[in-house]
Amino acid sequence: MSKKPFTQNLKEEAETILERTKAKAQEAKGDIKVAIGKATDNTRMKVEGQADQVAGKAKDFAARAKDAARDAAEKL
């Protein structure tokens, strides 16, 4: 099996970093919504915030799994 060019590896790493950054931003957005919802006693805002937190965590997990799979494939 041939190795990938360095630039392709670099591009894939950058994509993973971008995906994880977006996921963390969504989690932070959820944290803010939850805090605002609690401060204003707005149940809908709290629930939306919790949904954003869960979605962000799921996206981060998916990006980590994709990264781990790519690393494992490269070692073969």
N, C-alpha and C. Protein backbone atom coordinates (compact mmCIF):
# COMPACT_ATOMS: atom_id res chain seq x y z
N MET A 1 0.85 -1.18 0.00
CA MET A 1 0.00 0.00 0.00
C MET A 1 0.90 1.25 0.00
N SER A 2 0.58 2.20 -0.82
CA SER A 2 1.41 3.40 -0.89
C SER A 2 0.96 4.42 0.15
N LYS A 3 1.94 5.16 0.62
CA LYS A 3 1.67 6.21 1.60
C LYS A 3 1.03 7.40 0.90
N LYS A 4 0.20 8.13 1.64
CA LYS A 4 -0.41 9.35 1.11
C LYS A 4 0.63 10.46 1.07
N PRO A 5 0.49 11.36 0.12
CA PRO A 5 1.40 12.51 0.10
C PRO A 5 1.23 13.35 1.37
N PHE A 6 2.31 13.98 1.77
CA PHE A 6 2.32 14.80 2.97
C PHE A 6 1.22 15.85 2.95
N THR A 7 1.01 16.49 1.79
CA THR A 7 0.00 17.55 1.70
C THR A 7 -1.40 17.02 1.92
N GLN A 8 -1.66 15.78 1.47
CA GLN A 8 -2.98 15.20 1.69
C GLN A 8 -3.20 14.93 3.17
N ASN A 9 -2.18 14.40 3.85
CA ASN A 9 -2.28 14.18 5.29
C ASN A 9 -2.52 15.49 6.02
N LEU A 10 -1.82 16.51 5.61
CA LEU A 10 -1.96 17.83 6.23
C LEU A 10 -3.37 18.37 6.03
N LYS A 11 -3.89 18.19 4.82
CA LYS A 11 -5.26 18.65 4.51
C LYS A 11 -6.28 17.91 5.38
N GLU A 12 -6.12 16.60 5.51
CA GLU A 12 -7.05 15.81 6.32
C GLU A 12 -6.97 16.22 7.79
N GLU A 13 -5.78 16.48 8.28
CA GLU A 13 -5.62 16.95 9.66
C GLU A 13 -6.31 18.29 9.86
N ALA A 14 -6.15 19.19 8.89
CA ALA A 14 -6.79 20.50 8.99
C ALA A 14 -8.31 20.38 8.98
N GLU A 15 -8.83 19.48 8.16
CA GLU A 15 -10.28 19.27 8.11
C GLU A 15 -10.79 18.75 9.45
N THR A 16 -10.05 17.83 10.06
CA THR A 16 -10.45 17.29 11.36
C THR A 16 -10.43 18.39 12.42
N ILE A 17 -9.40 19.21 12.40
CA ILE A 17 -9.32 20.30 13.36
C ILE A 17 -10.49 21.26 13.18
N LEU A 18 -10.83 21.55 11.93
CA LEU A 18 -11.96 22.45 11.66
C LEU A 18 -13.27 21.83 12.15
N GLU A 19 -13.47 20.54 11.89
CA GLU A 19 -14.69 19.86 12.35
C GLU A 19 -14.79 19.90 13.87
N ARG A 20 -13.67 19.64 14.55
CA ARG A 20 -13.68 19.63 16.01
C ARG A 20 -13.91 21.04 16.56
N THR A 21 -13.35 22.05 15.90
CA THR A 21 -13.54 23.43 16.33
C THR A 21 -15.01 23.83 16.21
N LYS A 22 -15.63 23.46 15.10
CA LYS A 22 -17.06 23.75 14.92
C LYS A 22 -17.90 23.04 15.97
N ALA A 23 -17.53 21.81 16.28
CA ALA A 23 -18.26 21.05 17.30
C ALA A 23 -18.14 21.71 18.67
N LYS A 24 -16.94 22.14 19.01
CA LYS A 24 -16.73 22.81 20.30
C LYS A 24 -17.49 24.15 20.35
N ALA A 25 -17.56 24.84 19.21
CA ALA A 25 -18.32 26.09 19.15
C ALA A 25 -19.80 25.83 19.39
N GLN A 26 -20.31 24.73 18.82
CA GLN A 26 -21.72 24.40 19.02
C GLN A 26 -21.97 24.05 20.49
N GLU A 27 -21.04 23.35 21.11
CA GLU A 27 -21.17 23.04 22.54
C GLU A 27 -21.20 24.33 23.36
N ALA A 28 -20.32 25.26 23.03
CA ALA A 28 -20.26 26.53 23.75
C ALA A 28 -21.56 27.32 23.57
N LYS A 29 -22.08 27.28 22.36
CA LYS A 29 -23.36 27.95 22.08
C LYS A 29 -24.45 27.34 22.96
N GLY A 30 -24.41 26.01 23.11
CA GLY A 30 -25.37 25.34 23.97
C GLY A 30 -25.20 25.74 25.42
N ASP A 31 -23.96 25.86 25.86
CA ASP A 31 -23.70 26.30 27.24
C ASP A 31 -24.31 27.67 27.50
N ILE A 32 -24.14 28.56 26.54
CA ILE A 32 -24.67 29.93 26.67
C ILE A 32 -26.19 29.90 26.71
N LYS A 33 -26.80 29.11 25.82
CA LYS A 33 -28.27 29.03 25.80
C LYS A 33 -28.81 28.47 27.12
N VAL A 34 -28.13 27.46 27.64
CA VAL A 34 -28.58 26.87 28.91
C VAL A 34 -28.48 27.92 30.02
N ALA A 35 -27.38 28.65 30.07
CA ALA A 35 -27.21 29.67 31.10
C ALA A 35 -28.27 30.76 30.98
N ILE A 36 -28.54 31.20 29.76
CA ILE A 36 -29.57 32.23 29.55
C ILE A 36 -30.94 31.68 29.93
N GLY A 37 -31.19 30.43 29.54
CA GLY A 37 -32.47 29.80 29.87
C GLY A 37 -32.68 29.69 31.37
N LYS A 38 -31.62 29.36 32.09
CA LYS A 38 -31.73 29.27 33.55
C LYS A 38 -31.93 30.66 34.16
N ALA A 39 -31.20 31.64 33.64
CA ALA A 39 -31.29 32.99 34.19
C ALA A 39 -32.66 33.61 33.95
N THR A 40 -33.27 33.28 32.83
CA THR A 40 -34.57 33.87 32.49
C THR A 40 -35.74 32.92 32.77
N ASP A 41 -35.42 31.75 33.31
CA ASP A 41 -36.42 30.72 33.58
C ASP A 41 -37.18 30.36 32.30
N ASN A 42 -36.42 30.22 31.20
CA ASN A 42 -36.98 29.90 29.89
C ASN A 42 -36.65 28.44 29.58
N THR A 43 -37.63 27.58 29.75
CA THR A 43 -37.42 26.15 29.55
C THR A 43 -37.02 25.83 28.11
N ARG A 44 -37.67 26.49 27.16
CA ARG A 44 -37.36 26.23 25.74
C ARG A 44 -35.89 26.54 25.44
N MET A 45 -35.38 27.63 25.97
CA MET A 45 -33.99 28.02 25.73
C MET A 45 -33.04 26.99 26.36
N LYS A 46 -33.38 26.52 27.56
CA LYS A 46 -32.55 25.51 28.21
C LYS A 46 -32.50 24.23 27.39
N VAL A 47 -33.65 23.80 26.89
CA VAL A 47 -33.72 22.57 26.10
C VAL A 47 -32.95 22.73 24.79
N GLU A 48 -33.09 23.87 24.13
CA GLU A 48 -32.34 24.12 22.90
C GLU A 48 -30.84 24.08 23.18
N GLY A 49 -30.44 24.66 24.29
CA GLY A 49 -29.04 24.66 24.67
C GLY A 49 -28.52 23.26 24.92
N GLN A 50 -29.32 22.46 25.60
CA GLN A 50 -28.92 21.08 25.86
C GLN A 50 -28.80 20.29 24.55
N ALA A 51 -29.71 20.56 23.62
CA ALA A 51 -29.65 19.90 22.31
C ALA A 51 -28.38 20.30 21.57
N ASP A 52 -28.02 21.58 21.63
CA ASP A 52 -26.79 22.04 20.99
C ASP A 52 -25.57 21.39 21.63
N GLN A 53 -25.58 21.26 22.94
CA GLN A 53 -24.47 20.61 23.64
C GLN A 53 -24.30 19.16 23.18
N VAL A 54 -25.40 18.44 23.13
CA VAL A 54 -25.35 17.03 22.73
C VAL A 54 -24.89 16.91 21.27
N ALA A 55 -25.42 17.75 20.41
CA ALA A 55 -25.04 17.70 19.00
C ALA A 55 -23.55 18.02 18.83
N GLY A 56 -23.08 19.00 19.55
CA GLY A 56 -21.66 19.36 19.48
C GLY A 56 -20.77 18.23 19.96
N LYS A 57 -21.16 17.58 21.05
CA LYS A 57 -20.38 16.46 21.56
C LYS A 57 -20.38 15.29 20.58
N ALA A 58 -21.52 15.05 19.94
CA ALA A 58 -21.60 13.96 18.96
C ALA A 58 -20.71 14.26 17.74
N LYS A 59 -20.71 15.50 17.29
CA LYS A 59 -19.87 15.87 16.15
C LYS A 59 -18.39 15.77 16.51
N ASP A 60 -18.04 16.15 17.72
CA ASP A 60 -16.65 16.04 18.17
C ASP A 60 -16.24 14.57 18.23
N PHE A 61 -17.12 13.73 18.76
CA PHE A 61 -16.83 12.30 18.83
C PHE A 61 -16.64 11.72 17.44
N ALA A 62 -17.51 12.11 16.50
CA ALA A 62 -17.40 11.61 15.13
C ALA A 62 -16.08 12.04 14.49
N ALA A 63 -15.66 13.27 14.72
CA ALA A 63 -14.40 13.75 14.17
C ALA A 63 -13.22 13.00 14.77
N ARG A 64 -13.28 12.73 16.06
CA ARG A 64 -12.20 11.97 16.71
C ARG A 64 -12.15 10.54 16.16
N ALA A 65 -13.32 9.93 15.97
CA ALA A 65 -13.37 8.57 15.45
C ALA A 65 -12.82 8.51 14.03
N LYS A 66 -13.18 9.50 13.23
CA LYS A 66 -12.68 9.58 11.85
C LYS A 66 -11.16 9.72 11.85
N ASP A 67 -10.65 10.53 12.73
CA ASP A 67 -9.21 10.75 12.86
C ASP A 67 -8.52 9.45 13.29
N ALA A 68 -9.09 8.75 14.26
CA ALA A 68 -8.52 7.51 14.75
C ALA A 68 -8.54 6.43 13.67
N ALA A 69 -9.61 6.37 12.91
CA ALA A 69 -9.71 5.39 11.82
C ALA A 69 -8.67 5.68 10.76
N ARG A 70 -8.49 6.93 10.43
CA ARG A 70 -7.49 7.30 9.43
C ARG A 70 -6.09 6.94 9.91
N ASP A 71 -5.80 7.21 11.18
CA ASP A 71 -4.50 6.89 11.74
C ASP A 71 -4.26 5.37 11.74
N ALA A 72 -5.30 4.61 12.08
CA ALA A 72 -5.17 3.15 12.10
C ALA A 72 -4.95 2.62 10.69
N ALA A 73 -5.63 3.17 9.70
CA ALA A 73 -5.47 2.74 8.32
C ALA A 73 -4.07 3.03 7.81
N GLU A 74 -3.49 4.14 8.25
CA GLU A 74 -2.15 4.51 7.81
C GLU A 74 -1.11 3.56 8.37
N LYS A 75 -1.38 2.97 9.53
CA LYS A 75 -0.41 2.07 10.15
C LYS A 75 -0.40 0.69 9.50
N LEU A 76 -1.45 0.39 8.75
CA LEU A 76 -1.52 -0.94 8.10
C LEU A 76 -0.58 -1.05 6.96
